[in-house]
Amino acid sequence: MKTLFVSDLDGTLLTRHECVSAYSTEHLNRLIEKGMPFTYATARSVGSALRALRGLNVRLPAVFYNGGLIYDIGRKETLRFIVFAEDQKRYVLSVLEEHGISPVVFGADNSRERFAWHVGKESVGVKRYLERRKDDPRMAPAYSAEELLRDHVFYFKCIGPRDQLESAWNILKMDERFICIFHQETYQNDFWMEISPREATKANAVRFLKERLGCERLVCFGDSANDSDMFDVCDEKYAVQNADDWLKAKATSVIGYCEEDGVAKWLDEHAGV
C-alpha cells in the first residue's frame, strides 16, 4: 500500500536552530531519492519553510499556513487556497481589538502574497517576529483596519502574553466558522494564537494530498496543538519525545526528540524504501 509520510516542521523535523540537521537532510534525501512519498504540513509560509528546509529535496506539494494553502513548489502551482469571507475577517479583527491584540494578518491579491500589521500597535512578540523578517518582500505595514484587511485574508497570527491571548481564544474557539489554535511558541516564552477559516486545517489538507497523489495510507509526525487534527485523520501518527503530553496520548507511538533526528531515524527504520 502506498503511504504518504507527512511531517510538521517546528519542534518536529526542525531543530531549535530552525533548520533540518545534516543527518536528517542526508537520510531523508536518500529515502526521497529511493521513492519515499514525503512532504510536510506547517504553519509557516512558503518562503519561511523553504529557508528552514534548505538542502532537503522535497518534491511533493506541501501544506502551509496550517492548511490554508497547498502549494506545489516544483511546479510553482497553487493547488488549494482558503480565505475568510469579508464579514468573517472583520469579526475576527473586532474580537482581537476588544482584547487589546494587534495581529499579523496574512493575505494576498492577484499578484502577490503579503503580511500586514498595524504600525505602532505591535506587541513585543510581534516586533520580534517582524525583526526576523525585515527583508521579507511580503511585509506590508498598515495604518488602519482597512489596510490591514485589504484583499483576500486567509490567516491571523497573534503573539503575546498567555492571559491576553487566551481571553480572545475562549471566544473565537467557540465559533464554528473558524479554526483557532492556541499554544506556546516553540522558540520563545510567548504564546501564539492562529486563526483560519474552518476548512483550512492540516487534516483536510493531508487528506487532499493523499487523494491527489494516489496514496492509500497516511502517516504523520508532530509535536503540538496545530498537529492535533492531522493526527485524527492519519492511519499512524507519531509524536516526537518533546511533544505536548496530550498529543503523545493521541499518538500511535512516541519517537525520538526533534533535536536527535527522531523523524529521520524512524523513517530510516520503518519507511520500507
C-alpha atoms as a PDB file:
ATOM      1  CA  MET A   1       0.000   0.000   0.000  1.00  0.00           C
ATOM      2  CA  LYS A   2       1.359   3.401  -0.996  1.00  0.00           C
ATOM      3  CA  THR A   3       1.890   5.538   2.100  1.00  0.00           C
ATOM      4  CA  LEU A   4       2.253   9.318   2.231  1.00  0.00           C
ATOM      5  CA  PHE A   5       4.526  10.460   5.073  1.00  0.00           C
ATOM      6  CA  VAL A   6       3.840  13.990   6.370  1.00  0.00           C
ATOM      7  CA  SER A   7       5.864  15.846   8.995  1.00  0.00           C
ATOM      8  CA  ASP A   8       5.237  19.021  10.916  1.00  0.00           C
ATOM      9  CA  LEU A   9       8.279  21.330  10.880  1.00  0.00           C
ATOM     10  CA  ASP A  10       8.887  23.432  14.008  1.00  0.00           C
ATOM     11  CA  GLY A  11       9.517  21.257  17.028  1.00  0.00           C
ATOM     12  CA  THR A  12       9.246  18.097  14.932  1.00  0.00           C
ATOM     13  CA  LEU A  13      11.526  17.973  11.892  1.00  0.00           C
ATOM     14  CA  LEU A  14      13.416  21.205  12.593  1.00  0.00           C
ATOM     15  CA  THR A  15      15.960  21.706  15.355  1.00  0.00           C
ATOM     16  CA  ARG A  16      15.942  24.645  17.773  1.00  0.00           C
ATOM     17  CA  HIS A  17      18.095  26.473  15.184  1.00  0.00           C
ATOM     18  CA  GLU A  18      15.088  26.367  12.796  1.00  0.00           C
ATOM     19  CA  CYS A  19      16.767  24.112  10.272  1.00  0.00           C
ATOM     20  CA  VAL A  20      16.988  20.445   9.334  1.00  0.00           C
ATOM     21  CA  SER A  21      20.124  18.802  10.727  1.00  0.00           C
ATOM     22  CA  ALA A  22      22.820  17.497   8.401  1.00  0.00           C
ATOM     23  CA  TYR A  23      21.957  13.942   9.480  1.00  0.00           C
ATOM     24  CA  SER A  24      18.234  14.322   8.740  1.00  0.00           C
ATOM     25  CA  THR A  25      18.934  16.069   5.431  1.00  0.00           C
ATOM     26  CA  GLU A  26      21.222  13.290   4.254  1.00  0.00           C
ATOM     27  CA  HIS A  27      18.976  10.423   5.339  1.00  0.00           C
ATOM     28  CA  LEU A  28      15.702  11.939   4.162  1.00  0.00           C
ATOM     29  CA  ASN A  29      17.166  12.891   0.785  1.00  0.00           C
ATOM     30  CA  ARG A  30      18.325   9.316   0.323  1.00  0.00           C
ATOM     31  CA  LEU A  31      14.859   7.959   1.155  1.00  0.00           C
ATOM     32  CA  ILE A  32      13.161  10.503  -1.116  1.00  0.00           C
ATOM     33  CA  GLU A  33      15.536   9.579  -3.944  1.00  0.00           C
ATOM     34  CA  LYS A  34      14.535   5.938  -3.494  1.00  0.00           C
ATOM     35  CA  GLY A  35      10.883   6.915  -3.929  1.00  0.00           C
ATOM     36  CA  MET A  36       9.521   7.554  -0.428  1.00  0.00           C
ATOM     37  CA  PRO A  37       6.467   9.877  -0.705  1.00  0.00           C
ATOM     38  CA  PHE A  38       7.392  12.556   1.845  1.00  0.00           C
ATOM     39  CA  THR A  39       6.138  16.070   2.434  1.00  0.00           C
ATOM     40  CA  TYR A  40       5.359  18.467   5.286  1.00  0.00           C
ATOM     41  CA  ALA A  41       2.486  20.407   6.847  1.00  0.00           C
ATOM     42  CA  THR A  42       3.409  23.634   8.613  1.00  0.00           C
ATOM     43  CA  ALA A  43       2.068  26.918   9.937  1.00  0.00           C
ATOM     44  CA  ARG A  44       4.900  28.615   8.052  1.00  0.00           C
ATOM     45  CA  SER A  45       4.643  30.446   4.743  1.00  0.00           C
ATOM     46  CA  VAL A  46       6.216  29.027   1.589  1.00  0.00           C
ATOM     47  CA  GLY A  47       9.285  31.249   1.819  1.00  0.00           C
ATOM     48  CA  SER A  48       9.844  30.663   5.519  1.00  0.00           C
ATOM     49  CA  ALA A  49       9.531  26.893   5.092  1.00  0.00           C
ATOM     50  CA  LEU A  50      11.949  26.815   2.162  1.00  0.00           C
ATOM     51  CA  ARG A  51      14.563  28.747   4.116  1.00  0.00           C
ATOM     52  CA  ALA A  52      14.267  26.338   7.030  1.00  0.00           C
ATOM     53  CA  LEU A  53      14.431  23.290   4.730  1.00  0.00           C
ATOM     54  CA  ARG A  54      17.391  24.427   2.667  1.00  0.00           C
ATOM     55  CA  GLY A  55      19.134  21.338   1.301  1.00  0.00           C
ATOM     56  CA  LEU A  56      16.172  18.997   1.735  1.00  0.00           C
ATOM     57  CA  ASN A  57      14.837  17.831  -1.632  1.00  0.00           C
ATOM     58  CA  VAL A  58      11.091  17.574  -1.011  1.00  0.00           C
ATOM     59  CA  ARG A  59       9.447  17.126  -4.403  1.00  0.00           C
ATOM     60  CA  LEU A  60       5.784  16.779  -3.489  1.00  0.00           C
ATOM     61  CA  PRO A  61       3.266  19.568  -2.850  1.00  0.00           C
ATOM     62  CA  ALA A  62       3.244  20.739   0.773  1.00  0.00           C
ATOM     63  CA  VAL A  63       0.845  22.302   3.269  1.00  0.00           C
ATOM     64  CA  PHE A  64       1.346  25.874   4.534  1.00  0.00           C
ATOM     65  CA  TYR A  65      -0.470  28.165   6.981  1.00  0.00           C
ATOM     66  CA  ASN A  66      -1.869  25.144   8.869  1.00  0.00           C
ATOM     67  CA  GLY A  67      -3.838  24.088   5.792  1.00  0.00           C
ATOM     68  CA  GLY A  68      -4.749  27.472   4.322  1.00  0.00           C
ATOM     69  CA  LEU A  69      -2.509  26.894   1.316  1.00  0.00           C
ATOM     70  CA  ILE A  70      -1.436  23.773  -0.546  1.00  0.00           C
ATOM     71  CA  TYR A  71       1.359  24.629  -2.950  1.00  0.00           C
ATOM     72  CA  ASP A  72       3.453  22.652  -5.423  1.00  0.00           C
ATOM     73  CA  ILE A  73       6.879  24.269  -5.168  1.00  0.00           C
ATOM     74  CA  GLY A  74       8.377  22.383  -8.109  1.00  0.00           C
ATOM     75  CA  ARG A  75       5.624  23.449 -10.495  1.00  0.00           C
ATOM     76  CA  LYS A  76       5.038  26.823  -8.784  1.00  0.00           C
ATOM     77  CA  GLU A  77       1.352  25.950  -8.694  1.00  0.00           C
ATOM     78  CA  THR A  78      -1.273  26.676  -6.026  1.00  0.00           C
ATOM     79  CA  LEU A  79      -3.458  23.603  -5.567  1.00  0.00           C
ATOM     80  CA  ARG A  80      -5.805  24.963  -2.918  1.00  0.00           C
ATOM     81  CA  PHE A  81      -6.264  28.331  -1.189  1.00  0.00           C
ATOM     82  CA  ILE A  82      -8.894  29.078   1.508  1.00  0.00           C
ATOM     83  CA  VAL A  83      -9.795  32.625   2.574  1.00  0.00           C
ATOM     84  CA  PHE A  84     -12.093  34.355   5.071  1.00  0.00           C
ATOM     85  CA  ALA A  85     -15.363  35.885   3.903  1.00  0.00           C
ATOM     86  CA  GLU A  86     -15.494  39.678   4.285  1.00  0.00           C
ATOM     87  CA  ASP A  87     -17.710  39.581   7.368  1.00  0.00           C
ATOM     88  CA  GLN A  88     -15.598  36.855   8.954  1.00  0.00           C
ATOM     89  CA  LYS A  89     -12.276  38.680   8.756  1.00  0.00           C
ATOM     90  CA  ARG A  90     -13.848  41.876  10.138  1.00  0.00           C
ATOM     91  CA  TYR A  91     -15.409  39.973  13.030  1.00  0.00           C
ATOM     92  CA  VAL A  92     -12.113  38.274  13.939  1.00  0.00           C
ATOM     93  CA  LEU A  93     -10.304  41.611  13.976  1.00  0.00           C
ATOM     94  CA  SER A  94     -13.026  43.192  16.134  1.00  0.00           C
ATOM     95  CA  VAL A  95     -12.715  40.432  18.764  1.00  0.00           C
ATOM     96  CA  LEU A  96      -8.931  40.755  18.812  1.00  0.00           C
ATOM     97  CA  GLU A  97      -9.056  44.532  19.146  1.00  0.00           C
ATOM     98  CA  GLU A  98     -11.556  44.277  22.029  1.00  0.00           C
ATOM     99  CA  HIS A  99      -8.876  42.307  23.893  1.00  0.00           C
ATOM    100  CA  GLY A 100      -6.033  44.671  23.001  1.00  0.00           C
ATOM    101  CA  ILE A 101      -4.489  42.257  20.487  1.00  0.00           C
ATOM    102  CA  SER A 102      -2.935  43.574  17.286  1.00  0.00           C
ATOM    103  CA  PRO A 103      -2.409  40.644  14.887  1.00  0.00           C
ATOM    104  CA  VAL A 104      -0.220  39.933  11.910  1.00  0.00           C
ATOM    105  CA  VAL A 105      -2.644  39.400   9.025  1.00  0.00           C
ATOM    106  CA  PHE A 106      -1.714  37.210   6.071  1.00  0.00           C
ATOM    107  CA  GLY A 107      -3.386  37.770   2.733  1.00  0.00           C
ATOM    108  CA  ALA A 108      -2.904  38.134  -0.986  1.00  0.00           C
ATOM    109  CA  ASP A 109      -4.137  39.972  -4.038  1.00  0.00           C
ATOM    110  CA  ASN A 110      -4.000  38.643  -7.582  1.00  0.00           C
ATOM    111  CA  SER A 111      -0.269  39.222  -7.910  1.00  0.00           C
ATOM    112  CA  ARG A 112       1.422  38.755  -4.541  1.00  0.00           C
ATOM    113  CA  GLU A 113       1.206  37.397  -1.018  1.00  0.00           C
ATOM    114  CA  ARG A 114       1.620  39.765   1.914  1.00  0.00           C
ATOM    115  CA  PHE A 115       1.509  40.007   5.681  1.00  0.00           C
ATOM    116  CA  ALA A 116       0.366  43.204   7.355  1.00  0.00           C
ATOM    117  CA  TRP A 117       0.468  44.610  10.870  1.00  0.00           C
ATOM    118  CA  HIS A 118      -0.808  47.834  12.408  1.00  0.00           C
ATOM    119  CA  VAL A 119       2.220  50.102  12.815  1.00  0.00           C
ATOM    120  CA  GLY A 120       2.602  51.400  16.364  1.00  0.00           C
ATOM    121  CA  LYS A 121       0.435  48.675  17.922  1.00  0.00           C
ATOM    122  CA  GLU A 122       2.905  45.777  17.785  1.00  0.00           C
ATOM    123  CA  SER A 123       3.345  43.537  20.832  1.00  0.00           C
ATOM    124  CA  VAL A 124       6.870  42.644  21.930  1.00  0.00           C
ATOM    125  CA  GLY A 125       6.421  39.246  20.312  1.00  0.00           C
ATOM    126  CA  VAL A 126       5.203  40.717  17.040  1.00  0.00           C
ATOM    127  CA  LYS A 127       8.158  43.135  16.993  1.00  0.00           C
ATOM    128  CA  ARG A 128      10.482  40.154  17.395  1.00  0.00           C
ATOM    129  CA  TYR A 129       8.651  38.299  14.637  1.00  0.00           C
ATOM    130  CA  LEU A 130       8.943  41.267  12.264  1.00  0.00           C
ATOM    131  CA  GLU A 131      12.592  41.900  13.089  1.00  0.00           C
ATOM    132  CA  ARG A 132      13.487  38.387  11.998  1.00  0.00           C
ATOM    133  CA  ARG A 133      11.727  39.047   8.669  1.00  0.00           C
ATOM    134  CA  LYS A 134      12.792  42.629   7.965  1.00  0.00           C
ATOM    135  CA  ASP A 135      13.975  41.808   4.441  1.00  0.00           C
ATOM    136  CA  ASP A 136      10.854  39.807   3.533  1.00  0.00           C
ATOM    137  CA  PRO A 137       9.224  41.289   0.405  1.00  0.00           C
ATOM    138  CA  ARG A 138       5.797  40.260   1.728  1.00  0.00           C
ATOM    139  CA  MET A 139       5.935  42.849   4.527  1.00  0.00           C
ATOM    140  CA  ALA A 140       3.079  45.367   4.231  1.00  0.00           C
ATOM    141  CA  PRO A 141       2.862  47.916   7.078  1.00  0.00           C
ATOM    142  CA  ALA A 142      -0.701  49.102   7.705  1.00  0.00           C
ATOM    143  CA  TYR A 143      -2.021  52.238   9.364  1.00  0.00           C
ATOM    144  CA  SER A 144      -5.722  51.370   9.580  1.00  0.00           C
ATOM    145  CA  ALA A 145      -8.051  48.400   9.844  1.00  0.00           C
ATOM    146  CA  GLU A 146      -8.941  48.814   6.163  1.00  0.00           C
ATOM    147  CA  GLU A 147      -5.303  48.482   5.136  1.00  0.00           C
ATOM    148  CA  LEU A 148      -4.847  45.546   7.487  1.00  0.00           C
ATOM    149  CA  LEU A 149      -7.748  43.606   5.960  1.00  0.00           C
ATOM    150  CA  ARG A 150      -7.494  44.569   2.295  1.00  0.00           C
ATOM    151  CA  ASP A 151      -7.679  41.913  -0.432  1.00  0.00           C
ATOM    152  CA  HIS A 152      -8.038  38.219   0.431  1.00  0.00           C
ATOM    153  CA  VAL A 153      -7.196  37.304   4.056  1.00  0.00           C
ATOM    154  CA  PHE A 154      -6.512  33.703   4.997  1.00  0.00           C
ATOM    155  CA  TYR A 155      -4.656  33.709   8.321  1.00  0.00           C
ATOM    156  CA  PHE A 156      -4.326  35.732  11.540  1.00  0.00           C
ATOM    157  CA  LYS A 157      -1.261  35.308  13.749  1.00  0.00           C
ATOM    158  CA  CYS A 158      -1.304  36.776  17.280  1.00  0.00           C
ATOM    159  CA  ILE A 159       1.746  36.800  19.564  1.00  0.00           C
ATOM    160  CA  GLY A 160       1.714  37.899  23.176  1.00  0.00           C
ATOM    161  CA  PRO A 161       1.157  37.060  26.856  1.00  0.00           C
ATOM    162  CA  ARG A 162      -0.894  33.970  27.660  1.00  0.00           C
ATOM    163  CA  ASP A 163      -3.705  35.678  29.616  1.00  0.00           C
ATOM    164  CA  GLN A 164      -4.386  38.281  26.926  1.00  0.00           C
ATOM    165  CA  LEU A 165      -4.497  35.817  24.031  1.00  0.00           C
ATOM    166  CA  GLU A 166      -6.416  33.204  25.995  1.00  0.00           C
ATOM    167  CA  SER A 167      -9.283  35.614  26.659  1.00  0.00           C
ATOM    168  CA  ALA A 168      -9.829  36.099  22.922  1.00  0.00           C
ATOM    169  CA  TRP A 169      -9.261  32.410  22.218  1.00  0.00           C
ATOM    170  CA  ASN A 170     -12.083  31.476  24.605  1.00  0.00           C
ATOM    171  CA  ILE A 171     -14.454  33.438  22.339  1.00  0.00           C
ATOM    172  CA  LEU A 172     -13.138  32.559  18.891  1.00  0.00           C
ATOM    173  CA  LYS A 173     -12.676  28.839  19.559  1.00  0.00           C
ATOM    174  CA  MET A 174     -16.450  28.539  20.057  1.00  0.00           C
ATOM    175  CA  ASP A 175     -17.243  30.000  16.645  1.00  0.00           C
ATOM    176  CA  GLU A 176     -17.896  27.195  14.150  1.00  0.00           C
ATOM    177  CA  ARG A 177     -16.688  29.347  11.255  1.00  0.00           C
ATOM    178  CA  PHE A 178     -13.073  29.295  12.443  1.00  0.00           C
ATOM    179  CA  ILE A 179     -10.163  27.132  13.470  1.00  0.00           C
ATOM    180  CA  CYS A 180      -8.447  28.814  16.432  1.00  0.00           C
ATOM    181  CA  ILE A 181      -5.188  27.287  17.689  1.00  0.00           C
ATOM    182  CA  PHE A 182      -3.574  28.466  20.931  1.00  0.00           C
ATOM    183  CA  HIS A 183      -0.136  27.286  22.047  1.00  0.00           C
ATOM    184  CA  GLN A 184       3.232  28.369  23.405  1.00  0.00           C
ATOM    185  CA  GLU A 185       5.715  29.496  20.771  1.00  0.00           C
ATOM    186  CA  THR A 186       8.353  26.865  20.027  1.00  0.00           C
ATOM    187  CA  TYR A 187      11.424  29.071  20.374  1.00  0.00           C
ATOM    188  CA  GLN A 188      10.328  31.775  22.876  1.00  0.00           C
ATOM    189  CA  ASN A 189       8.184  32.196  26.013  1.00  0.00           C
ATOM    190  CA  ASP A 190       5.422  33.994  24.091  1.00  0.00           C
ATOM    191  CA  PHE A 191       2.086  32.389  23.318  1.00  0.00           C
ATOM    192  CA  TRP A 192       0.651  32.263  19.810  1.00  0.00           C
ATOM    193  CA  MET A 193      -2.918  32.205  18.588  1.00  0.00           C
ATOM    194  CA  GLU A 194      -3.531  31.302  14.960  1.00  0.00           C
ATOM    195  CA  ILE A 195      -6.937  31.799  13.332  1.00  0.00           C
ATOM    196  CA  SER A 196      -8.004  30.325   9.995  1.00  0.00           C
ATOM    197  CA  PRO A 197     -11.254  29.579   8.149  1.00  0.00           C
ATOM    198  CA  ARG A 198     -12.866  26.335   9.326  1.00  0.00           C
ATOM    199  CA  GLU A 199     -11.919  24.444   6.164  1.00  0.00           C
ATOM    200  CA  ALA A 200      -8.233  25.395   6.472  1.00  0.00           C
ATOM    201  CA  THR A 201      -6.881  22.522   8.571  1.00  0.00           C
ATOM    202  CA  LYS A 202      -3.914  20.242   8.288  1.00  0.00           C
ATOM    203  CA  ALA A 203      -6.361  17.337   8.412  1.00  0.00           C
ATOM    204  CA  ASN A 204      -8.249  18.476   5.321  1.00  0.00           C
ATOM    205  CA  ALA A 205      -5.025  19.335   3.545  1.00  0.00           C
ATOM    206  CA  VAL A 206      -3.277  15.988   4.067  1.00  0.00           C
ATOM    207  CA  ARG A 207      -6.414  14.109   3.011  1.00  0.00           C
ATOM    208  CA  PHE A 208      -6.491  16.234  -0.146  1.00  0.00           C
ATOM    209  CA  LEU A 209      -2.851  15.340  -0.870  1.00  0.00           C
ATOM    210  CA  LYS A 210      -3.440  11.665  -0.123  1.00  0.00           C
ATOM    211  CA  GLU A 211      -6.146  11.527  -2.771  1.00  0.00           C
ATOM    212  CA  ARG A 212      -4.311  13.693  -5.296  1.00  0.00           C
ATOM    213  CA  LEU A 213      -1.117  11.660  -5.016  1.00  0.00           C
ATOM    214  CA  GLY A 214      -2.897   8.320  -5.199  1.00  0.00           C
ATOM    215  CA  CYS A 215      -1.826   7.145  -1.747  1.00  0.00           C
ATOM    216  CA  GLU A 216      -3.742   4.652   0.363  1.00  0.00           C
ATOM    217  CA  ARG A 217      -2.356   5.424   3.822  1.00  0.00           C
ATOM    218  CA  LEU A 218      -1.280   8.487   5.804  1.00  0.00           C
ATOM    219  CA  VAL A 219       1.488   8.550   8.411  1.00  0.00           C
ATOM    220  CA  CYS A 220       2.286  11.827  10.171  1.00  0.00           C
ATOM    221  CA  PHE A 221       4.654  13.319  12.744  1.00  0.00           C
ATOM    222  CA  GLY A 222       4.010  16.242  15.093  1.00  0.00           C
ATOM    223  CA  ASP A 223       4.578  17.934  18.416  1.00  0.00           C
ATOM    224  CA  SER A 224       1.891  20.491  19.241  1.00  0.00           C
ATOM    225  CA  ALA A 225      -1.664  21.817  19.032  1.00  0.00           C
ATOM    226  CA  ASN A 226      -1.648  22.581  15.320  1.00  0.00           C
ATOM    227  CA  ASP A 227      -0.934  18.893  14.610  1.00  0.00           C
ATOM    228  CA  SER A 228      -3.909  17.558  16.575  1.00  0.00           C
ATOM    229  CA  ASP A 229      -6.481  17.462  13.768  1.00  0.00           C
ATOM    230  CA  MET A 230      -3.900  15.904  11.429  1.00  0.00           C
ATOM    231  CA  PHE A 231      -3.371  13.127  13.978  1.00  0.00           C
ATOM    232  CA  ASP A 232      -7.124  12.478  13.916  1.00  0.00           C
ATOM    233  CA  VAL A 233      -7.173  11.519  10.212  1.00  0.00           C
ATOM    234  CA  CYS A 234      -3.892   9.634   9.809  1.00  0.00           C
ATOM    235  CA  ASP A 235      -3.585   5.855   9.873  1.00  0.00           C
ATOM    236  CA  GLU A 236      -0.499   6.162  12.065  1.00  0.00           C
ATOM    237  CA  LYS A 237       0.669   9.226  13.948  1.00  0.00           C
ATOM    238  CA  TYR A 238       3.924   9.709  15.819  1.00  0.00           C
ATOM    239  CA  ALA A 239       4.721  12.336  18.422  1.00  0.00           C
ATOM    240  CA  VAL A 240       8.325  13.369  18.969  1.00  0.00           C
ATOM    241  CA  GLN A 241       9.630  12.991  22.523  1.00  0.00           C
ATOM    242  CA  ASN A 242       9.457  16.763  23.091  1.00  0.00           C
ATOM    243  CA  ALA A 243       5.751  16.899  22.088  1.00  0.00           C
ATOM    244  CA  ASP A 244       2.922  18.009  24.364  1.00  0.00           C
ATOM    245  CA  ASP A 245       1.866  15.163  26.651  1.00  0.00           C
ATOM    246  CA  TRP A 246      -1.762  15.240  25.482  1.00  0.00           C
ATOM    247  CA  LEU A 247      -0.619  14.834  21.856  1.00  0.00           C
ATOM    248  CA  LYS A 248       1.561  11.896  22.864  1.00  0.00           C
ATOM    249  CA  ALA A 249      -1.583  10.298  24.273  1.00  0.00           C
ATOM    250  CA  LYS A 250      -3.194  10.514  20.807  1.00  0.00           C
ATOM    251  CA  ALA A 251      -0.152   9.074  19.046  1.00  0.00           C
ATOM    252  CA  THR A 252       0.389   5.570  17.745  1.00  0.00           C
ATOM    253  CA  SER A 253       3.770   5.814  19.444  1.00  0.00           C
ATOM    254  CA  VAL A 254       6.362   8.303  20.665  1.00  0.00           C
ATOM    255  CA  ILE A 255       9.625   8.618  18.734  1.00  0.00           C
ATOM    256  CA  GLY A 256      12.909  10.455  19.383  1.00  0.00           C
ATOM    257  CA  TYR A 257      13.418  14.149  20.073  1.00  0.00           C
ATOM    258  CA  CYS A 258      13.427  16.683  17.238  1.00  0.00           C
ATOM    259  CA  GLU A 259      16.971  17.596  18.298  1.00  0.00           C
ATOM    260  CA  GLU A 260      18.001  13.974  17.844  1.00  0.00           C
ATOM    261  CA  ASP A 261      16.584  13.378  14.342  1.00  0.00           C
ATOM    262  CA  GLY A 262      13.576  11.430  15.597  1.00  0.00           C
ATOM    263  CA  VAL A 263      11.610  11.636  12.340  1.00  0.00           C
ATOM    264  CA  ALA A 264      14.504  10.716  10.042  1.00  0.00           C
ATOM    265  CA  LYS A 265      15.560   7.806  12.253  1.00  0.00           C
ATOM    266  CA  TRP A 266      12.008   6.434  12.397  1.00  0.00           C
ATOM    267  CA  LEU A 267      11.668   6.676   8.607  1.00  0.00           C
ATOM    268  CA  ASP A 268      15.042   5.024   8.114  1.00  0.00           C
ATOM    269  CA  GLU A 269      13.771   2.033  10.046  1.00  0.00           C
ATOM    270  CA  HIS A 270      10.098   1.884   9.015  1.00  0.00           C
ATOM    271  CA  ALA A 271       9.506   3.584   5.663  1.00  0.00           C
ATOM    272  CA  GLY A 272      10.108   0.370   3.753  1.00  0.00           C
ATOM    273  CA  VAL A 273      12.006   2.002   0.894  1.00  0.00           C
END
